[in-house]
Each structure stands twice: as C-alpha cells, then as structure tokens.
N, C-alpha and C. Protein backbone atom coordinates (compact mmCIF):
# COMPACT_ATOMS: atom_id res chain seq x y z
N MET A 1 -7.25 6.18 9.95
CA MET A 1 -5.82 6.01 10.01
C MET A 1 -5.48 4.54 9.93
N SER A 2 -4.37 4.27 9.28
CA SER A 2 -3.91 2.91 9.24
C SER A 2 -2.39 2.90 9.25
N PHE A 3 -1.86 2.40 10.34
CA PHE A 3 -0.42 2.34 10.51
C PHE A 3 0.07 0.91 10.27
N ALA A 4 1.33 0.82 9.89
CA ALA A 4 1.95 -0.49 9.73
C ALA A 4 2.03 -1.16 11.10
N PRO A 5 2.00 -2.50 11.13
CA PRO A 5 2.12 -3.19 12.42
C PRO A 5 3.51 -2.99 13.02
N THR A 6 3.61 -3.18 14.30
CA THR A 6 4.83 -2.95 15.05
C THR A 6 6.03 -3.70 14.47
N GLU A 7 5.82 -4.93 14.00
CA GLU A 7 6.95 -5.71 13.50
C GLU A 7 7.56 -5.16 12.22
N VAL A 8 6.89 -4.23 11.56
CA VAL A 8 7.41 -3.64 10.34
C VAL A 8 8.38 -2.49 10.64
N TYR A 9 8.27 -1.90 11.83
CA TYR A 9 9.11 -0.76 12.19
C TYR A 9 10.53 -1.19 12.50
N PRO A 10 11.51 -0.38 12.21
CA PRO A 10 11.36 0.93 11.59
C PRO A 10 11.16 0.79 10.09
N ILE A 11 10.29 1.59 9.54
CA ILE A 11 10.07 1.60 8.09
C ILE A 11 11.23 2.38 7.47
N VAL A 12 12.05 1.68 6.70
CA VAL A 12 13.23 2.29 6.12
C VAL A 12 12.92 2.85 4.74
N LYS A 13 12.19 2.11 3.94
CA LYS A 13 11.86 2.54 2.58
C LYS A 13 10.35 2.66 2.48
N GLY A 14 9.83 3.81 2.84
CA GLY A 14 8.40 4.03 2.83
C GLY A 14 8.07 5.38 3.40
N GLY A 15 6.83 5.51 3.84
CA GLY A 15 6.41 6.80 4.37
C GLY A 15 4.95 6.80 4.75
N ARG A 16 4.34 7.97 4.62
CA ARG A 16 2.94 8.12 4.96
C ARG A 16 2.32 9.17 4.04
N PHE A 17 1.01 9.13 3.92
CA PHE A 17 0.27 10.12 3.13
C PHE A 17 -1.15 10.21 3.65
N ILE A 18 -1.83 11.26 3.24
CA ILE A 18 -3.25 11.42 3.57
C ILE A 18 -4.04 11.30 2.28
N GLU A 19 -5.03 10.44 2.29
CA GLU A 19 -5.93 10.28 1.14
C GLU A 19 -6.85 11.49 1.15
N LYS A 20 -6.87 12.22 0.01
CA LYS A 20 -7.54 13.52 -0.05
C LYS A 20 -9.05 13.47 0.18
N ASP A 21 -9.75 12.53 -0.43
CA ASP A 21 -11.22 12.54 -0.40
C ASP A 21 -11.78 12.39 1.01
N ASN A 22 -11.16 11.53 1.82
CA ASN A 22 -11.70 11.26 3.16
C ASN A 22 -10.79 11.72 4.30
N GLY A 23 -9.59 12.15 3.97
CA GLY A 23 -8.67 12.65 4.98
C GLY A 23 -8.04 11.60 5.87
N HIS A 24 -7.98 10.35 5.41
CA HIS A 24 -7.41 9.27 6.22
C HIS A 24 -5.90 9.17 5.98
N LEU A 25 -5.17 8.93 7.05
CA LEU A 25 -3.73 8.78 7.00
C LEU A 25 -3.38 7.31 6.78
N PHE A 26 -2.42 7.05 5.90
CA PHE A 26 -1.95 5.70 5.62
C PHE A 26 -0.43 5.68 5.64
N GLU A 27 0.12 4.58 6.11
CA GLU A 27 1.56 4.35 6.00
C GLU A 27 1.79 3.32 4.90
N TYR A 28 2.99 3.36 4.33
CA TYR A 28 3.35 2.38 3.31
C TYR A 28 4.83 2.06 3.44
N ASP A 29 5.20 0.93 2.87
CA ASP A 29 6.60 0.56 2.79
C ASP A 29 6.88 -0.15 1.47
N LEU A 30 8.15 -0.34 1.20
CA LEU A 30 8.56 -1.07 0.01
C LEU A 30 8.32 -2.55 0.27
N HIS A 31 7.58 -3.21 -0.62
CA HIS A 31 7.25 -4.62 -0.43
C HIS A 31 8.50 -5.45 -0.68
N SER A 32 9.01 -6.07 0.36
CA SER A 32 10.23 -6.85 0.23
C SER A 32 10.01 -8.34 0.46
N HIS A 33 8.79 -8.72 0.78
CA HIS A 33 8.49 -10.13 1.06
C HIS A 33 7.85 -10.77 -0.17
N HIS A 34 8.13 -12.02 -0.35
CA HIS A 34 7.53 -12.75 -1.47
C HIS A 34 6.38 -13.60 -0.95
N ASP A 35 5.28 -13.57 -1.66
CA ASP A 35 4.12 -14.37 -1.28
C ASP A 35 3.52 -14.95 -2.56
N GLU A 36 2.43 -15.67 -2.44
CA GLU A 36 1.84 -16.34 -3.60
C GLU A 36 1.41 -15.38 -4.70
N TRP A 37 1.02 -14.16 -4.35
CA TRP A 37 0.57 -13.19 -5.34
C TRP A 37 1.73 -12.43 -5.97
N TYR A 38 2.84 -12.36 -5.27
CA TYR A 38 3.95 -11.50 -5.68
C TYR A 38 4.44 -11.83 -7.08
N SER A 39 4.49 -13.09 -7.44
CA SER A 39 5.01 -13.48 -8.75
C SER A 39 3.94 -13.50 -9.84
N ASP A 40 2.66 -13.31 -9.48
CA ASP A 40 1.59 -13.36 -10.48
C ASP A 40 1.53 -12.12 -11.36
N PHE A 41 2.12 -11.04 -10.92
CA PHE A 41 2.17 -9.83 -11.75
C PHE A 41 3.52 -9.17 -11.52
N GLN A 42 3.85 -8.22 -12.35
CA GLN A 42 5.15 -7.59 -12.23
C GLN A 42 5.20 -6.73 -10.97
N PRO A 43 5.94 -7.16 -9.97
CA PRO A 43 5.99 -6.39 -8.74
C PRO A 43 6.59 -5.00 -8.93
N SER A 44 7.33 -4.80 -10.01
CA SER A 44 7.90 -3.48 -10.25
C SER A 44 6.81 -2.44 -10.53
N LEU A 45 5.62 -2.89 -10.97
CA LEU A 45 4.51 -1.96 -11.21
C LEU A 45 3.85 -1.51 -9.92
N TYR A 46 3.84 -2.36 -8.91
CA TYR A 46 3.21 -2.07 -7.62
C TYR A 46 4.16 -2.50 -6.50
N PRO A 47 5.25 -1.74 -6.30
CA PRO A 47 6.31 -2.17 -5.39
C PRO A 47 6.05 -1.91 -3.91
N HIS A 48 4.97 -1.21 -3.60
CA HIS A 48 4.72 -0.83 -2.20
C HIS A 48 3.61 -1.65 -1.56
N ARG A 49 3.59 -1.61 -0.22
CA ARG A 49 2.48 -2.13 0.56
C ARG A 49 1.87 -0.92 1.29
N VAL A 50 0.61 -0.66 1.04
CA VAL A 50 -0.09 0.38 1.79
C VAL A 50 -0.89 -0.34 2.86
N TRP A 51 -0.67 0.05 4.10
CA TRP A 51 -1.35 -0.58 5.24
C TRP A 51 -2.74 -0.01 5.33
N VAL A 52 -3.76 -0.86 5.26
CA VAL A 52 -5.15 -0.39 5.14
C VAL A 52 -6.06 -0.86 6.27
N SER A 53 -5.53 -1.59 7.22
CA SER A 53 -6.39 -2.12 8.28
C SER A 53 -5.67 -2.10 9.61
N LEU A 54 -6.35 -1.61 10.63
CA LEU A 54 -5.77 -1.63 11.97
C LEU A 54 -5.88 -3.00 12.61
N ASN A 55 -6.96 -3.72 12.31
CA ASN A 55 -7.20 -5.03 12.89
C ASN A 55 -7.59 -6.03 11.80
N PRO A 56 -6.61 -6.47 11.01
CA PRO A 56 -6.96 -7.38 9.91
C PRO A 56 -7.45 -8.73 10.40
N VAL A 57 -8.57 -9.17 9.86
CA VAL A 57 -9.12 -10.49 10.14
C VAL A 57 -9.32 -11.15 8.77
N ASN A 58 -8.71 -12.30 8.58
CA ASN A 58 -8.76 -12.98 7.28
C ASN A 58 -8.26 -12.07 6.16
N ASP A 59 -7.29 -11.26 6.46
CA ASP A 59 -6.77 -10.29 5.51
C ASP A 59 -5.33 -10.00 5.90
N SER A 60 -4.56 -9.52 4.95
CA SER A 60 -3.17 -9.20 5.23
C SER A 60 -3.03 -7.87 5.96
N GLY A 61 -4.02 -7.00 5.81
CA GLY A 61 -3.92 -5.69 6.40
C GLY A 61 -3.25 -4.67 5.49
N TRP A 62 -2.82 -5.11 4.32
CA TRP A 62 -2.19 -4.21 3.37
C TRP A 62 -2.61 -4.54 1.95
N ARG A 63 -2.33 -3.62 1.04
CA ARG A 63 -2.62 -3.82 -0.39
C ARG A 63 -1.37 -3.46 -1.19
N TYR A 64 -1.15 -4.16 -2.29
CA TYR A 64 -0.11 -3.77 -3.23
C TYR A 64 -0.43 -2.38 -3.75
N ALA A 65 0.61 -1.59 -4.01
CA ALA A 65 0.37 -0.22 -4.45
C ALA A 65 1.59 0.35 -5.15
N LEU A 66 1.34 1.43 -5.85
CA LEU A 66 2.39 2.30 -6.38
C LEU A 66 2.09 3.68 -5.82
N VAL A 67 2.96 4.15 -4.94
CA VAL A 67 2.76 5.45 -4.29
C VAL A 67 3.67 6.47 -4.97
N LYS A 68 3.04 7.52 -5.49
CA LYS A 68 3.79 8.61 -6.10
C LYS A 68 3.60 9.86 -5.24
N LYS A 69 4.02 11.00 -5.74
CA LYS A 69 3.98 12.22 -4.95
C LYS A 69 2.56 12.69 -4.64
N THR A 70 1.65 12.64 -5.62
CA THR A 70 0.30 13.16 -5.43
C THR A 70 -0.81 12.14 -5.67
N VAL A 71 -0.45 10.93 -6.09
CA VAL A 71 -1.43 9.86 -6.29
C VAL A 71 -0.87 8.54 -5.82
N ALA A 72 -1.78 7.64 -5.48
CA ALA A 72 -1.40 6.26 -5.16
C ALA A 72 -2.33 5.35 -5.95
N TYR A 73 -1.77 4.33 -6.56
CA TYR A 73 -2.54 3.33 -7.29
C TYR A 73 -2.57 2.08 -6.42
N ILE A 74 -3.76 1.72 -5.96
CA ILE A 74 -3.94 0.64 -5.00
C ILE A 74 -4.59 -0.56 -5.68
N VAL A 75 -3.97 -1.73 -5.56
CA VAL A 75 -4.55 -2.97 -6.07
C VAL A 75 -5.58 -3.44 -5.04
N THR A 76 -6.86 -3.40 -5.44
CA THR A 76 -7.92 -3.73 -4.48
C THR A 76 -8.52 -5.11 -4.67
N ASP A 77 -8.36 -5.70 -5.86
CA ASP A 77 -9.02 -6.98 -6.13
C ASP A 77 -8.48 -7.54 -7.42
N GLU A 78 -9.07 -8.66 -7.81
CA GLU A 78 -8.79 -9.30 -9.08
C GLU A 78 -10.15 -9.65 -9.68
N ASP A 79 -10.36 -9.32 -10.97
CA ASP A 79 -11.67 -9.59 -11.57
C ASP A 79 -11.77 -11.05 -12.03
N ASP A 80 -12.90 -11.41 -12.64
CA ASP A 80 -13.15 -12.79 -13.06
C ASP A 80 -12.17 -13.30 -14.11
N CYS A 81 -11.54 -12.37 -14.84
CA CYS A 81 -10.58 -12.74 -15.87
C CYS A 81 -9.14 -12.75 -15.35
N GLY A 82 -8.98 -12.48 -14.07
CA GLY A 82 -7.65 -12.48 -13.49
C GLY A 82 -6.92 -11.15 -13.61
N GLU A 83 -7.62 -10.12 -14.09
CA GLU A 83 -7.02 -8.80 -14.21
C GLU A 83 -7.11 -8.07 -12.88
N LEU A 84 -6.09 -7.28 -12.58
CA LEU A 84 -6.08 -6.53 -11.33
C LEU A 84 -7.09 -5.38 -11.38
N VAL A 85 -7.74 -5.14 -10.26
CA VAL A 85 -8.64 -4.00 -10.10
C VAL A 85 -7.85 -2.95 -9.34
N ILE A 86 -7.69 -1.77 -9.95
CA ILE A 86 -6.85 -0.73 -9.39
C ILE A 86 -7.71 0.49 -9.04
N GLU A 87 -7.50 1.04 -7.84
CA GLU A 87 -8.12 2.31 -7.46
C GLU A 87 -7.04 3.38 -7.49
N LYS A 88 -7.40 4.55 -8.00
CA LYS A 88 -6.49 5.68 -7.98
C LYS A 88 -6.92 6.60 -6.85
N TRP A 89 -6.02 6.84 -5.91
CA TRP A 89 -6.29 7.73 -4.78
C TRP A 89 -5.49 9.01 -4.97
N ASN A 90 -6.14 10.14 -4.85
CA ASN A 90 -5.42 11.41 -4.79
C ASN A 90 -4.93 11.55 -3.37
N ILE A 91 -3.66 11.92 -3.22
CA ILE A 91 -3.07 12.00 -1.89
C ILE A 91 -2.44 13.37 -1.66
N LYS A 92 -2.23 13.68 -0.38
CA LYS A 92 -1.57 14.93 0.00
C LYS A 92 -0.67 14.66 1.21
N ASP A 93 0.13 15.63 1.54
CA ASP A 93 1.02 15.53 2.70
C ASP A 93 1.85 14.25 2.67
N HIS A 94 2.32 13.91 1.47
CA HIS A 94 3.14 12.71 1.30
C HIS A 94 4.52 12.98 1.90
N GLY A 95 4.92 12.13 2.82
CA GLY A 95 6.23 12.25 3.42
C GLY A 95 6.91 10.90 3.47
N GLU A 96 8.18 10.89 3.14
CA GLU A 96 8.95 9.65 3.18
C GLU A 96 9.72 9.58 4.48
N TYR A 97 9.82 8.38 5.03
CA TYR A 97 10.61 8.16 6.24
C TYR A 97 12.06 7.95 5.85
N ASN A 98 12.94 8.52 6.58
CA ASN A 98 14.37 8.41 6.29
C ASN A 98 15.10 7.80 7.48
N ASN A 99 14.75 6.56 7.81
CA ASN A 99 15.41 5.90 8.95
C ASN A 99 16.66 5.20 8.48
C-alpha cells in the first residue's frame, strides 16, 4: 500500500487503485506543482502523481503517471538518451475521490 502524505489531503482531483499483478493499493492525485522535471516533458501526457513510497528517502515518494480506468502508465526512470522509461500497470478497483 502507498498512500499520499498527510499534507496532500484532502485529495480533490485523484483517487486510488489496486495494481492487479501484486494486489497493492496506490493513491494518486493530479500533479499541480511545478518542479525541475515538470517542464522537461509534456505534463499533459503524465498529469498524475502516483504515490509509491510510504517512507521516501532521497526520493519524492511519487512518480509521474497517466491513470486511466484499467491501466496506469508510470514514469519510472530516464534512459541514457533522456527518453522516459514507462511501465504499464494493469489496475482494478479504480475509484476517484470526490472531495
């Protein structure tokens, strides 16, 4: 399980899902903050933050993502040529928060 940190609540534009292969629950929100990576690629392609760490150390605790109804595309890295490395996760029990 990986929940957003307390300071992110209430999550207004986001939700939660379960990653099918391992059954882990993740929360996500609409990425509204600008950082050094945000302008390096089109944020419209990966507008969400999926929270991936309960105790981030030397890490943000989240990854850029595009969350759809049954899949999530997670930006996991950048290769030697500067291209994004994307993982496709099959998801289930996708629910949006309506705060």
